Amino acid sequence: MEIRPKKKGGRPPKKIKRQSMVRLRLTITERFLLEQKSKRAGMGISDFIRHSVISSKVMSRFGEVEISAHRVLAGMANNLNQLTKKAHQLGLLIMAKRCQDLISEIEDHMKTMNDL
């Protein structure tokens, strides 16, 4: 008499098990948007979130360098506005030259910000 091994029935185990669980709190609007996006993608919510985590690109917030560059640019813009106001009030050609110099300085600063 031959002894056959018992068949184990059921689904075979997955190679990679998902063991970590994340809980997420959403507003009703955020939940609705998530459901709509996952439906458009033809995925379930969990699959959509997994895919988004792997392939999405999120823009980081501004760092210290960008914030300081923005402050410098805002100060230059304020100076330009003050010079323009004086030029309109006094009608001086000297003010036009100062404004032109400041405009070129602002443009240079903006080019360096774009290179960051």
PDB file of N, CA and C in Angstrom:
ATOM      1  N   MET A   1       0.817  -1.177   0.000  1.00  0.00           N
ATOM      2  CA  MET A   1       0.000   0.000   0.000  1.00  0.00           C
ATOM      3  C   MET A   1       0.871   1.254   0.000  1.00  0.00           C
ATOM      4  N   GLU A   2       0.526   2.132  -0.879  1.00  0.00           N
ATOM      5  CA  GLU A   2       1.304   3.346  -1.080  1.00  0.00           C
ATOM      6  C   GLU A   2       0.724   4.499  -0.257  1.00  0.00           C
ATOM      7  N   ILE A   3       1.596   5.278   0.377  1.00  0.00           N
ATOM      8  CA  ILE A   3       1.130   6.442   1.135  1.00  0.00           C
ATOM      9  C   ILE A   3       1.379   7.689   0.285  1.00  0.00           C
ATOM     10  N   ARG A   4       0.319   8.346  -0.023  1.00  0.00           N
ATOM     11  CA  ARG A   4       0.419   9.573  -0.816  1.00  0.00           C
ATOM     12  C   ARG A   4       0.517  10.774   0.121  1.00  0.00           C
ATOM     13  N   PRO A   5       1.322  11.772  -0.282  1.00  0.00           N
ATOM     14  CA  PRO A   5       1.360  12.980   0.557  1.00  0.00           C
ATOM     15  C   PRO A   5       0.029  13.723   0.452  1.00  0.00           C
ATOM     16  N   LYS A   6      -0.402  14.277   1.575  1.00  0.00           N
ATOM     17  CA  LYS A   6      -1.669  15.004   1.579  1.00  0.00           C
ATOM     18  C   LYS A   6      -1.512  16.304   0.803  1.00  0.00           C
ATOM     19  N   LYS A   7      -2.521  16.608   0.005  1.00  0.00           N
ATOM     20  CA  LYS A   7      -2.520  17.882  -0.705  1.00  0.00           C
ATOM     21  C   LYS A   7      -2.940  18.964   0.272  1.00  0.00           C
ATOM     22  N   LYS A   8      -2.217  20.042   0.194  1.00  0.00           N
ATOM     23  CA  LYS A   8      -2.418  21.100   1.169  1.00  0.00           C
ATOM     24  C   LYS A   8      -3.540  22.041   0.735  1.00  0.00           C
ATOM     25  N   GLY A   9      -4.188  22.081  -0.185  1.00  0.00           N
ATOM     26  CA  GLY A   9      -5.309  22.923  -0.585  1.00  0.00           C
ATOM     27  C   GLY A   9      -5.111  24.411  -0.315  1.00  0.00           C
ATOM     28  N   GLY A  10      -5.842  25.213  -1.006  1.00  0.00           N
ATOM     29  CA  GLY A  10      -5.784  26.653  -0.812  1.00  0.00           C
ATOM     30  C   GLY A  10      -4.788  27.329  -1.730  1.00  0.00           C
ATOM     31  N   ARG A  11      -4.733  28.609  -1.584  1.00  0.00           N
ATOM     32  CA  ARG A  11      -3.857  29.425  -2.412  1.00  0.00           C
ATOM     33  C   ARG A  11      -2.417  29.254  -1.975  1.00  0.00           C
ATOM     34  N   PRO A  12      -1.497  29.175  -2.929  1.00  0.00           N
ATOM     35  CA  PRO A  12      -0.084  29.076  -2.538  1.00  0.00           C
ATOM     36  C   PRO A  12       0.397  30.378  -1.896  1.00  0.00           C
ATOM     37  N   PRO A  13       1.355  30.301  -0.985  1.00  0.00           N
ATOM     38  CA  PRO A  13       1.825  31.521  -0.319  1.00  0.00           C
ATOM     39  C   PRO A  13       2.543  32.449  -1.297  1.00  0.00           C
ATOM     40  N   LYS A  14       2.391  33.766  -1.053  1.00  0.00           N
ATOM     41  CA  LYS A  14       3.045  34.753  -1.909  1.00  0.00           C
ATOM     42  C   LYS A  14       4.524  34.819  -1.582  1.00  0.00           C
ATOM     43  N   LYS A  15       5.308  35.188  -2.584  1.00  0.00           N
ATOM     44  CA  LYS A  15       6.754  35.283  -2.382  1.00  0.00           C
ATOM     45  C   LYS A  15       7.092  36.443  -1.456  1.00  0.00           C
ATOM     46  N   ILE A  16       6.411  37.564  -1.664  1.00  0.00           N
ATOM     47  CA  ILE A  16       6.659  38.747  -0.840  1.00  0.00           C
ATOM     48  C   ILE A  16       5.391  39.034  -0.045  1.00  0.00           C
ATOM     49  N   LYS A  17       5.511  38.993   1.277  1.00  0.00           N
ATOM     50  CA  LYS A  17       4.357  39.266   2.129  1.00  0.00           C
ATOM     51  C   LYS A  17       4.375  40.724   2.547  1.00  0.00           C
ATOM     52  N   ARG A  18       3.221  41.331   2.542  1.00  0.00           N
ATOM     53  CA  ARG A  18       3.092  42.707   3.025  1.00  0.00           C
ATOM     54  C   ARG A  18       2.765  42.633   4.510  1.00  0.00           C
ATOM     55  N   GLN A  19       3.728  43.005   5.325  1.00  0.00           N
ATOM     56  CA  GLN A  19       3.551  42.850   6.762  1.00  0.00           C
ATOM     57  C   GLN A  19       3.298  44.172   7.469  1.00  0.00           C
ATOM     58  N   SER A  20       3.624  45.279   6.827  1.00  0.00           N
ATOM     59  CA  SER A  20       3.487  46.575   7.466  1.00  0.00           C
ATOM     60  C   SER A  20       2.149  47.205   7.077  1.00  0.00           C
ATOM     61  N   MET A  21       1.472  47.782   8.066  1.00  0.00           N
ATOM     62  CA  MET A  21       0.169  48.381   7.827  1.00  0.00           C
ATOM     63  C   MET A  21       0.234  49.866   8.161  1.00  0.00           C
ATOM     64  N   VAL A  22      -0.400  50.697   7.339  1.00  0.00           N
ATOM     65  CA  VAL A  22      -0.414  52.137   7.550  1.00  0.00           C
ATOM     66  C   VAL A  22      -1.863  52.587   7.665  1.00  0.00           C
ATOM     67  N   ARG A  23      -2.141  53.400   8.675  1.00  0.00           N
ATOM     68  CA  ARG A  23      -3.479  53.982   8.809  1.00  0.00           C
ATOM     69  C   ARG A  23      -3.394  55.425   8.372  1.00  0.00           C
ATOM     70  N   LEU A  24      -4.436  55.887   7.721  1.00  0.00           N
ATOM     71  CA  LEU A  24      -4.421  57.218   7.135  1.00  0.00           C
ATOM     72  C   LEU A  24      -5.751  57.897   7.410  1.00  0.00           C
ATOM     73  N   ARG A  25      -5.704  59.132   7.869  1.00  0.00           N
ATOM     74  CA  ARG A  25      -6.932  59.894   8.099  1.00  0.00           C
ATOM     75  C   ARG A  25      -7.112  60.878   6.951  1.00  0.00           C
ATOM     76  N   LEU A  26      -8.292  60.867   6.370  1.00  0.00           N
ATOM     77  CA  LEU A  26      -8.606  61.740   5.246  1.00  0.00           C
ATOM     78  C   LEU A  26      -9.904  62.482   5.520  1.00  0.00           C
ATOM     79  N   THR A  27     -10.032  63.666   4.928  1.00  0.00           N
ATOM     80  CA  THR A  27     -11.319  64.342   4.957  1.00  0.00           C
ATOM     81  C   THR A  27     -12.228  63.650   3.947  1.00  0.00           C
ATOM     82  N   ILE A  28     -13.486  63.990   3.973  1.00  0.00           N
ATOM     83  CA  ILE A  28     -14.425  63.391   3.022  1.00  0.00           C
ATOM     84  C   ILE A  28     -14.022  63.746   1.596  1.00  0.00           C
ATOM     85  N   THR A  29     -13.598  64.984   1.398  1.00  0.00           N
ATOM     86  CA  THR A  29     -13.178  65.424   0.062  1.00  0.00           C
ATOM     87  C   THR A  29     -11.944  64.664  -0.402  1.00  0.00           C
ATOM     88  N   GLU A  30     -10.952  64.521   0.488  1.00  0.00           N
ATOM     89  CA  GLU A  30      -9.740  63.786   0.124  1.00  0.00           C
ATOM     90  C   GLU A  30     -10.061  62.331  -0.211  1.00  0.00           C
ATOM     91  N   ARG A  31     -10.955  61.729   0.563  1.00  0.00           N
ATOM     92  CA  ARG A  31     -11.350  60.337   0.305  1.00  0.00           C
ATOM     93  C   ARG A  31     -12.036  60.224  -1.059  1.00  0.00           C
ATOM     94  N   PHE A  32     -12.913  61.182  -1.356  1.00  0.00           N
ATOM     95  CA  PHE A  32     -13.614  61.177  -2.635  1.00  0.00           C
ATOM     96  C   PHE A  32     -12.625  61.301  -3.791  1.00  0.00           C
ATOM     97  N   LEU A  33     -11.670  62.226  -3.663  1.00  0.00           N
ATOM     98  CA  LEU A  33     -10.666  62.400  -4.719  1.00  0.00           C
ATOM     99  C   LEU A  33      -9.822  61.142  -4.893  1.00  0.00           C
ATOM    100  N   LEU A  34      -9.452  60.517  -3.787  1.00  0.00           N
ATOM    101  CA  LEU A  34      -8.669  59.280  -3.851  1.00  0.00           C
ATOM    102  C   LEU A  34      -9.449  58.180  -4.564  1.00  0.00           C
ATOM    103  N   GLU A  35     -10.722  58.043  -4.235  1.00  0.00           N
ATOM    104  CA  GLU A  35     -11.546  57.024  -4.890  1.00  0.00           C
ATOM    105  C   GLU A  35     -11.685  57.296  -6.384  1.00  0.00           C
ATOM    106  N   GLN A  36     -11.891  58.572  -6.743  1.00  0.00           N
ATOM    107  CA  GLN A  36     -12.045  58.921  -8.157  1.00  0.00           C
ATOM    108  C   GLN A  36     -10.767  58.636  -8.940  1.00  0.00           C
ATOM    109  N   LYS A  37      -9.638  59.010  -8.373  1.00  0.00           N
ATOM    110  CA  LYS A  37      -8.364  58.777  -9.066  1.00  0.00           C
ATOM    111  C   LYS A  37      -8.073  57.289  -9.207  1.00  0.00           C
ATOM    112  N   SER A  38      -8.387  56.525  -8.180  1.00  0.00           N
ATOM    113  CA  SER A  38      -8.123  55.087  -8.271  1.00  0.00           C
ATOM    114  C   SER A  38      -9.061  54.425  -9.278  1.00  0.00           C
ATOM    115  N   LYS A  39     -10.305  54.893  -9.364  1.00  0.00           N
ATOM    116  CA  LYS A  39     -11.237  54.343 -10.360  1.00  0.00           C
ATOM    117  C   LYS A  39     -10.770  54.663 -11.774  1.00  0.00           C
ATOM    118  N   ARG A  40     -10.320  55.918 -11.987  1.00  0.00           N
ATOM    119  CA  ARG A  40      -9.827  56.307 -13.317  1.00  0.00           C
ATOM    120  C   ARG A  40      -8.618  55.477 -13.723  1.00  0.00           C
ATOM    121  N   ALA A  41      -7.807  55.113 -12.737  1.00  0.00           N
ATOM    122  CA  ALA A  41      -6.617  54.305 -13.023  1.00  0.00           C
ATOM    123  C   ALA A  41      -6.963  52.824 -13.143  1.00  0.00           C
ATOM    124  N   GLY A  42      -8.196  52.461 -12.790  1.00  0.00           N
ATOM    125  CA  GLY A  42      -8.599  51.063 -12.868  1.00  0.00           C
ATOM    126  C   GLY A  42      -7.967  50.203 -11.788  1.00  0.00           C
ATOM    127  N   MET A  43      -7.730  50.793 -10.627  1.00  0.00           N
ATOM    128  CA  MET A  43      -7.091  50.079  -9.523  1.00  0.00           C
ATOM    129  C   MET A  43      -7.940  50.228  -8.271  1.00  0.00           C
ATOM    130  N   GLY A  44      -7.664  49.367  -7.319  1.00  0.00           N
ATOM    131  CA  GLY A  44      -8.245  49.546  -6.002  1.00  0.00           C
ATOM    132  C   GLY A  44      -7.494  50.655  -5.278  1.00  0.00           C
ATOM    133  N   ILE A  45      -8.065  51.111  -4.173  1.00  0.00           N
ATOM    134  CA  ILE A  45      -7.436  52.215  -3.439  1.00  0.00           C
ATOM    135  C   ILE A  45      -6.049  51.820  -2.937  1.00  0.00           C
ATOM    136  N   SER A  46      -5.912  50.638  -2.366  1.00  0.00           N
ATOM    137  CA  SER A  46      -4.613  50.203  -1.837  1.00  0.00           C
ATOM    138  C   SER A  46      -3.572  50.091  -2.942  1.00  0.00           C
ATOM    139  N   ASP A  47      -3.968  49.491  -4.070  1.00  0.00           N
ATOM    140  CA  ASP A  47      -3.031  49.365  -5.192  1.00  0.00           C
ATOM    141  C   ASP A  47      -2.634  50.735  -5.729  1.00  0.00           C
ATOM    142  N   PHE A  48      -3.610  51.642  -5.794  1.00  0.00           N
ATOM    143  CA  PHE A  48      -3.335  52.994  -6.283  1.00  0.00           C
ATOM    144  C   PHE A  48      -2.331  53.698  -5.372  1.00  0.00           C
ATOM    145  N   ILE A  49      -2.528  53.581  -4.062  1.00  0.00           N
ATOM    146  CA  ILE A  49      -1.610  54.226  -3.113  1.00  0.00           C
ATOM    147  C   ILE A  49      -0.223  53.606  -3.215  1.00  0.00           C
ATOM    148  N   ARG A  50      -0.147  52.273  -3.310  1.00  0.00           N
ATOM    149  CA  ARG A  50       1.158  51.612  -3.457  1.00  0.00           C
ATOM    150  C   ARG A  50       1.868  52.094  -4.709  1.00  0.00           C
ATOM    151  N   HIS A  51       1.137  52.151  -5.816  1.00  0.00           N
ATOM    152  CA  HIS A  51       1.726  52.600  -7.080  1.00  0.00           C
ATOM    153  C   HIS A  51       2.172  54.061  -6.972  1.00  0.00           C
ATOM    154  N   SER A  52       1.361  54.891  -6.308  1.00  0.00           N
ATOM    155  CA  SER A  52       1.711  56.301  -6.144  1.00  0.00           C
ATOM    156  C   SER A  52       2.970  56.467  -5.305  1.00  0.00           C
ATOM    157  N   VAL A  53       3.105  55.659  -4.264  1.00  0.00           N
ATOM    158  CA  VAL A  53       4.292  55.739  -3.403  1.00  0.00           C
ATOM    159  C   VAL A  53       5.548  55.402  -4.197  1.00  0.00           C
ATOM    160  N   ILE A  54       5.440  54.416  -5.065  1.00  0.00           N
ATOM    161  CA  ILE A  54       6.610  53.974  -5.818  1.00  0.00           C
ATOM    162  C   ILE A  54       6.956  54.930  -6.951  1.00  0.00           C
ATOM    163  N   SER A  55       5.954  55.405  -7.688  1.00  0.00           N
ATOM    164  CA  SER A  55       6.260  56.117  -8.930  1.00  0.00           C
ATOM    165  C   SER A  55       5.992  57.616  -8.910  1.00  0.00           C
ATOM    166  N   SER A  56       5.287  58.137  -7.919  1.00  0.00           N
ATOM    167  CA  SER A  56       4.975  59.566  -7.912  1.00  0.00           C
ATOM    168  C   SER A  56       6.174  60.390  -7.486  1.00  0.00           C
ATOM    169  N   LYS A  57       6.178  61.628  -7.953  1.00  0.00           N
ATOM    170  CA  LYS A  57       7.244  62.549  -7.594  1.00  0.00           C
ATOM    171  C   LYS A  57       6.616  63.738  -6.879  1.00  0.00           C
ATOM    172  N   VAL A  58       7.046  64.002  -5.666  1.00  0.00           N
ATOM    173  CA  VAL A  58       6.513  65.099  -4.876  1.00  0.00           C
ATOM    174  C   VAL A  58       7.565  66.190  -4.811  1.00  0.00           C
ATOM    175  N   MET A  59       7.150  67.406  -5.089  1.00  0.00           N
ATOM    176  CA  MET A  59       8.078  68.532  -5.033  1.00  0.00           C
ATOM    177  C   MET A  59       8.349  68.870  -3.569  1.00  0.00           C
ATOM    178  N   SER A  60       9.614  68.987  -3.225  1.00  0.00           N
ATOM    179  CA  SER A  60       9.964  69.316  -1.850  1.00  0.00           C
ATOM    180  C   SER A  60       9.719  70.799  -1.603  1.00  0.00           C
ATOM    181  N   ARG A  61       9.534  71.125  -0.346  1.00  0.00           N
ATOM    182  CA  ARG A  61       9.329  72.523   0.011  1.00  0.00           C
ATOM    183  C   ARG A  61      10.646  73.269  -0.132  1.00  0.00           C
ATOM    184  N   PHE A  62      10.554  74.575  -0.096  1.00  0.00           N
ATOM    185  CA  PHE A  62      11.746  75.382  -0.280  1.00  0.00           C
ATOM    186  C   PHE A  62      12.720  75.185   0.868  1.00  0.00           C
ATOM    187  N   GLY A  63      14.006  75.134   0.534  1.00  0.00           N
ATOM    188  CA  GLY A  63      15.055  75.031   1.529  1.00  0.00           C
ATOM    189  C   GLY A  63      15.517  76.417   1.948  1.00  0.00           C
ATOM    190  N   GLU A  64      16.530  76.464   2.801  1.00  0.00           N
ATOM    191  CA  GLU A  64      17.047  77.735   3.302  1.00  0.00           C
ATOM    192  C   GLU A  64      17.593  78.608   2.174  1.00  0.00           C
ATOM    193  N   VAL A  65      18.260  77.990   1.206  1.00  0.00           N
ATOM    194  CA  VAL A  65      18.857  78.750   0.102  1.00  0.00           C
ATOM    195  C   VAL A  65      17.768  79.424  -0.716  1.00  0.00           C
ATOM    196  N   GLU A  66      16.707  78.671  -1.035  1.00  0.00           N
ATOM    197  CA  GLU A  66      15.629  79.242  -1.842  1.00  0.00           C
ATOM    198  C   GLU A  66      14.882  80.336  -1.090  1.00  0.00           C
ATOM    199  N   ILE A  67      14.696  80.148   0.222  1.00  0.00           N
ATOM    200  CA  ILE A  67      13.989  81.157   1.016  1.00  0.00           C
ATOM    201  C   ILE A  67      14.793  82.448   1.078  1.00  0.00           C
ATOM    202  N   SER A  68      16.102  82.344   1.297  1.00  0.00           N
ATOM    203  CA  SER A  68      16.923  83.560   1.362  1.00  0.00           C
ATOM    204  C   SER A  68      16.989  84.238   0.001  1.00  0.00           C
ATOM    205  N   ALA A  69      17.047  83.454  -1.078  1.00  0.00           N
ATOM    206  CA  ALA A  69      17.050  84.041  -2.420  1.00  0.00           C
ATOM    207  C   ALA A  69      15.734  84.755  -2.689  1.00  0.00           C
ATOM    208  N   HIS A  70      14.643  84.194  -2.210  1.00  0.00           N
ATOM    209  CA  HIS A  70      13.331  84.829  -2.396  1.00  0.00           C
ATOM    210  C   HIS A  70      13.258  86.146  -1.632  1.00  0.00           C
ATOM    211  N   ARG A  71      13.822  86.179  -0.421  1.00  0.00           N
ATOM    212  CA  ARG A  71      13.827  87.419   0.361  1.00  0.00           C
ATOM    213  C   ARG A  71      14.621  88.512  -0.343  1.00  0.00           C
ATOM    214  N   VAL A  72      15.776  88.136  -0.889  1.00  0.00           N
ATOM    215  CA  VAL A  72      16.603  89.109  -1.609  1.00  0.00           C
ATOM    216  C   VAL A  72      15.842  89.641  -2.814  1.00  0.00           C
ATOM    217  N   LEU A  73      15.191  88.757  -3.540  1.00  0.00           N
ATOM    218  CA  LEU A  73      14.434  89.166  -4.722  1.00  0.00           C
ATOM    219  C   LEU A  73      13.262  90.070  -4.339  1.00  0.00           C
ATOM    220  N   ALA A  74      12.582  89.769  -3.232  1.00  0.00           N
ATOM    221  CA  ALA A  74      11.475  90.606  -2.772  1.00  0.00           C
ATOM    222  C   ALA A  74      11.973  91.993  -2.379  1.00  0.00           C
ATOM    223  N   GLY A  75      13.142  92.056  -1.730  1.00  0.00           N
ATOM    224  CA  GLY A  75      13.723  93.354  -1.382  1.00  0.00           C
ATOM    225  C   GLY A  75      14.065  94.168  -2.617  1.00  0.00           C
ATOM    226  N   MET A  76      14.610  93.496  -3.631  1.00  0.00           N
ATOM    227  CA  MET A  76      14.926  94.193  -4.884  1.00  0.00           C
ATOM    228  C   MET A  76      13.655  94.712  -5.552  1.00  0.00           C
ATOM    229  N   ALA A  77      12.599  93.929  -5.509  1.00  0.00           N
ATOM    230  CA  ALA A  77      11.331  94.358  -6.109  1.00  0.00           C
ATOM    231  C   ALA A  77      10.780  95.572  -5.372  1.00  0.00           C
ATOM    232  N   ASN A  78      10.902  95.585  -4.038  1.00  0.00           N
ATOM    233  CA  ASN A  78      10.453  96.750  -3.273  1.00  0.00           C
ATOM    234  C   ASN A  78      11.261  97.988  -3.643  1.00  0.00           C
ATOM    235  N   ASN A  79      12.577  97.826  -3.773  1.00  0.00           N
ATOM    236  CA  ASN A  79      13.419  98.956  -4.171  1.00  0.00           C
ATOM    237  C   ASN A  79      13.020  99.478  -5.545  1.00  0.00           C
ATOM    238  N   LEU A  80      12.739  98.575  -6.463  1.00  0.00           N
ATOM    239  CA  LEU A  80      12.333  98.979  -7.809  1.00  0.00           C
ATOM    240  C   LEU A  80      11.024  99.754  -7.764  1.00  0.00           C
ATOM    241  N   ASN A  81      10.083  99.305  -6.950  1.00  0.00           N
ATOM    242  CA  ASN A  81       8.809 100.018  -6.839  1.00  0.00           C
ATOM    243  C   ASN A  81       9.009 101.418  -6.267  1.00  0.00           C
ATOM    244  N   GLN A  82       9.877 101.553  -5.272  1.00  0.00           N
ATOM    245  CA  GLN A  82      10.140 102.868  -4.688  1.00  0.00           C
ATOM    246  C   GLN A  82      10.809 103.793  -5.697  1.00  0.00           C
ATOM    247  N   LEU A  83      11.779 103.252  -6.444  1.00  0.00           N
ATOM    248  CA  LEU A  83      12.451 104.069  -7.458  1.00  0.00           C
ATOM    249  C   LEU A  83      11.484 104.483  -8.567  1.00  0.00           C
ATOM    250  N   THR A  84      10.610 103.594  -8.957  1.00  0.00           N
ATOM    251  CA  THR A  84       9.637 103.915 -10.001  1.00  0.00           C
ATOM    252  C   THR A  84       8.701 105.014  -9.526  1.00  0.00           C
ATOM    253  N   LYS A  85       8.281 104.936  -8.271  1.00  0.00           N
ATOM    254  CA  LYS A  85       7.400 105.965  -7.718  1.00  0.00           C
ATOM    255  C   LYS A  85       8.097 107.322  -7.711  1.00  0.00           C
ATOM    256  N   LYS A  86       9.372 107.347  -7.283  1.00  0.00           N
ATOM    257  CA  LYS A  86      10.119 108.612  -7.278  1.00  0.00           C
ATOM    258  C   LYS A  86      10.307 109.150  -8.687  1.00  0.00           C
ATOM    259  N   ALA A  87      10.562 108.252  -9.620  1.00  0.00           N
ATOM    260  CA  ALA A  87      10.747 108.689 -11.008  1.00  0.00           C
ATOM    261  C   ALA A  87       9.472 109.314 -11.543  1.00  0.00           C
ATOM    262  N   HIS A  88       8.331 108.763 -11.197  1.00  0.00           N
ATOM    263  CA  HIS A  88       7.065 109.340 -11.646  1.00  0.00           C
ATOM    264  C   HIS A  88       6.807 110.675 -10.962  1.00  0.00           C
ATOM    265  N   GLN A  89       7.193 110.783  -9.696  1.00  0.00           N
ATOM    266  CA  GLN A  89       6.964 112.017  -8.957  1.00  0.00           C
ATOM    267  C   GLN A  89       7.905 113.124  -9.415  1.00  0.00           C
ATOM    268  N   LEU A  90       9.184 112.792  -9.570  1.00  0.00           N
ATOM    269  CA  LEU A  90      10.187 113.809  -9.867  1.00  0.00           C
ATOM    270  C   LEU A  90      10.482 113.942 -11.350  1.00  0.00           C
ATOM    271  N   GLY A  91      10.231 112.898 -12.101  1.00  0.00           N
ATOM    272  CA  GLY A  91      10.481 112.942 -13.538  1.00  0.00           C
ATOM    273  C   GLY A  91      11.961 113.059 -13.872  1.00  0.00           C
ATOM    274  N   LEU A  92      12.815 112.400 -13.146  1.00  0.00           N
ATOM    275  CA  LEU A  92      14.249 112.517 -13.360  1.00  0.00           C
ATOM    276  C   LEU A  92      14.758 111.404 -14.265  1.00  0.00           C
ATOM    277  N   LEU A  93      15.692 111.744 -15.128  1.00  0.00           N
ATOM    278  CA  LEU A  93      16.317 110.738 -15.974  1.00  0.00           C
ATOM    279  C   LEU A  93      17.260 109.851 -15.167  1.00  0.00           C
ATOM    280  N   ILE A  94      17.768 110.404 -14.065  1.00  0.00           N
ATOM    281  CA  ILE A  94      18.662 109.629 -13.205  1.00  0.00           C
ATOM    282  C   ILE A  94      17.915 108.421 -12.631  1.00  0.00           C
ATOM    283  N   MET A  95      16.665 108.636 -12.281  1.00  0.00           N
ATOM    284  CA  MET A  95      15.858 107.548 -11.735  1.00  0.00           C
ATOM    285  C   MET A  95      15.668 106.440 -12.771  1.00  0.00           C
ATOM    286  N   ALA A  96      15.530 106.821 -14.014  1.00  0.00           N
ATOM    287  CA  ALA A  96      15.373 105.819 -15.070  1.00  0.00           C
ATOM    288  C   ALA A  96      16.617 104.940 -15.150  1.00  0.00           C
ATOM    289  N   LYS A  97      17.793 105.551 -15.009  1.00  0.00           N
ATOM    290  CA  LYS A  97      19.048 104.792 -15.037  1.00  0.00           C
ATOM    291  C   LYS A  97      19.131 103.839 -13.845  1.00  0.00           C
ATOM    292  N   ARG A  98      18.768 104.339 -12.645  1.00  0.00           N
ATOM    293  CA  ARG A  98      18.794 103.491 -11.448  1.00  0.00           C
ATOM    294  C   ARG A  98      17.830 102.310 -11.596  1.00  0.00           C
ATOM    295  N   CYS A  99      16.657 102.596 -12.133  1.00  0.00           N
ATOM    296  CA  CYS A  99      15.666 101.525 -12.340  1.00  0.00           C
ATOM    297  C   CYS A  99      16.197 100.486 -13.317  1.00  0.00           C
ATOM    298  N   GLN A 100      16.831 100.953 -14.377  1.00  0.00           N
ATOM    299  CA  GLN A 100      17.369 100.020 -15.369  1.00  0.00           C
ATOM    300  C   GLN A 100      18.450  99.133 -14.746  1.00  0.00           C
ATOM    301  N   ASP A 101      19.320  99.734 -13.915  1.00  0.00           N
ATOM    302  CA  ASP A 101      20.353  98.956 -13.230  1.00  0.00           C
ATOM    303  C   ASP A 101      19.735  97.910 -12.299  1.00  0.00           C
ATOM    304  N   LEU A 102      18.709  98.326 -11.570  1.00  0.00           N
ATOM    305  CA  LEU A 102      18.058  97.402 -10.643  1.00  0.00           C
ATOM    306  C   LEU A 102      17.337  96.282 -11.390  1.00  0.00           C
ATOM    307  N   ILE A 103      16.742  96.589 -12.519  1.00  0.00           N
ATOM    308  CA  ILE A 103      16.070  95.562 -13.324  1.00  0.00           C
ATOM    309  C   ILE A 103      17.077  94.519 -13.795  1.00  0.00           C
ATOM    310  N   SER A 104      18.230  94.971 -14.264  1.00  0.00           N
ATOM    311  CA  SER A 104      19.234  94.002 -14.719  1.00  0.00           C
ATOM    312  C   SER A 104      19.750  93.158 -13.549  1.00  0.00           C
ATOM    313  N   GLU A 105      19.875  93.762 -12.367  1.00  0.00           N
ATOM    314  CA  GLU A 105      20.311  93.013 -11.187  1.00  0.00           C
ATOM    315  C   GLU A 105      19.273  91.958 -10.796  1.00  0.00           C
ATOM    316  N   ILE A 106      17.999  92.320 -10.872  1.00  0.00           N
ATOM    317  CA  ILE A 106      16.920  91.372 -10.566  1.00  0.00           C
ATOM    318  C   ILE A 106      16.925  90.225 -11.564  1.00  0.00           C
ATOM    319  N   GLU A 107      17.099  90.533 -12.837  1.00  0.00           N
ATOM    320  CA  GLU A 107      17.133  89.484 -13.860  1.00  0.00           C
ATOM    321  C   GLU A 107      18.286  88.511 -13.614  1.00  0.00           C
ATOM    322  N   ASP A 108      19.459  89.048 -13.242  1.00  0.00           N
ATOM    323  CA  ASP A 108      20.596  88.178 -12.932  1.00  0.00           C
ATOM    324  C   ASP A 108      20.287  87.271 -11.740  1.00  0.00           C
ATOM    325  N   HIS A 109      19.657  87.856 -10.724  1.00  0.00           N
ATOM    326  CA  HIS A 109      19.322  87.079  -9.533  1.00  0.00           C
ATOM    327  C   HIS A 109      18.306  85.988  -9.863  1.00  0.00           C
ATOM    328  N   MET A 110      17.346  86.294 -10.708  1.00  0.00           N
ATOM    329  CA  MET A 110      16.342  85.293 -11.097  1.00  0.00           C
ATOM    330  C   MET A 110      16.984  84.159 -11.893  1.00  0.00           C
ATOM    331  N   LYS A 111      17.983  84.480 -12.723  1.00  0.00           N
ATOM    332  CA  LYS A 111      18.681  83.435 -13.474  1.00  0.00           C
ATOM    333  C   LYS A 111      19.411  82.487 -12.528  1.00  0.00           C
ATOM    334  N   THR A 112      20.036  83.049 -11.481  1.00  0.00           N
ATOM    335  CA  THR A 112      20.733  82.186 -10.525  1.00  0.00           C
ATOM    336  C   THR A 112      19.748  81.338  -9.727  1.00  0.00           C
ATOM    337  N   MET A 113      18.555  81.891  -9.441  1.00  0.00           N
ATOM    338  CA  MET A 113      17.533  81.108  -8.734  1.00  0.00           C
ATOM    339  C   MET A 113      17.051  79.953  -9.596  1.00  0.00           C
ATOM    340  N   ASN A 114      16.917  80.168 -10.894  1.00  0.00           N
ATOM    341  CA  ASN A 114      16.475  79.101 -11.790  1.00  0.00           C
ATOM    342  C   ASN A 114      17.518  78.003 -11.900  1.00  0.00           C
ATOM    343  N   ASP A 115      18.780  78.356 -11.728  1.00  0.00           N
ATOM    344  CA  ASP A 115      19.850  77.366 -11.807  1.00  0.00           C
ATOM    345  C   ASP A 115      19.913  76.481 -10.568  1.00  0.00           C
ATOM    346  N   LEU A 116      19.270  76.921  -9.452  1.00  0.00           N
ATOM    347  CA  LEU A 116      19.293  76.122  -8.209  1.00  0.00           C
ATOM    348  C   LEU A 116      18.552  74.881  -8.393  1.00  0.00           C
TER     349      LEU A 116
END
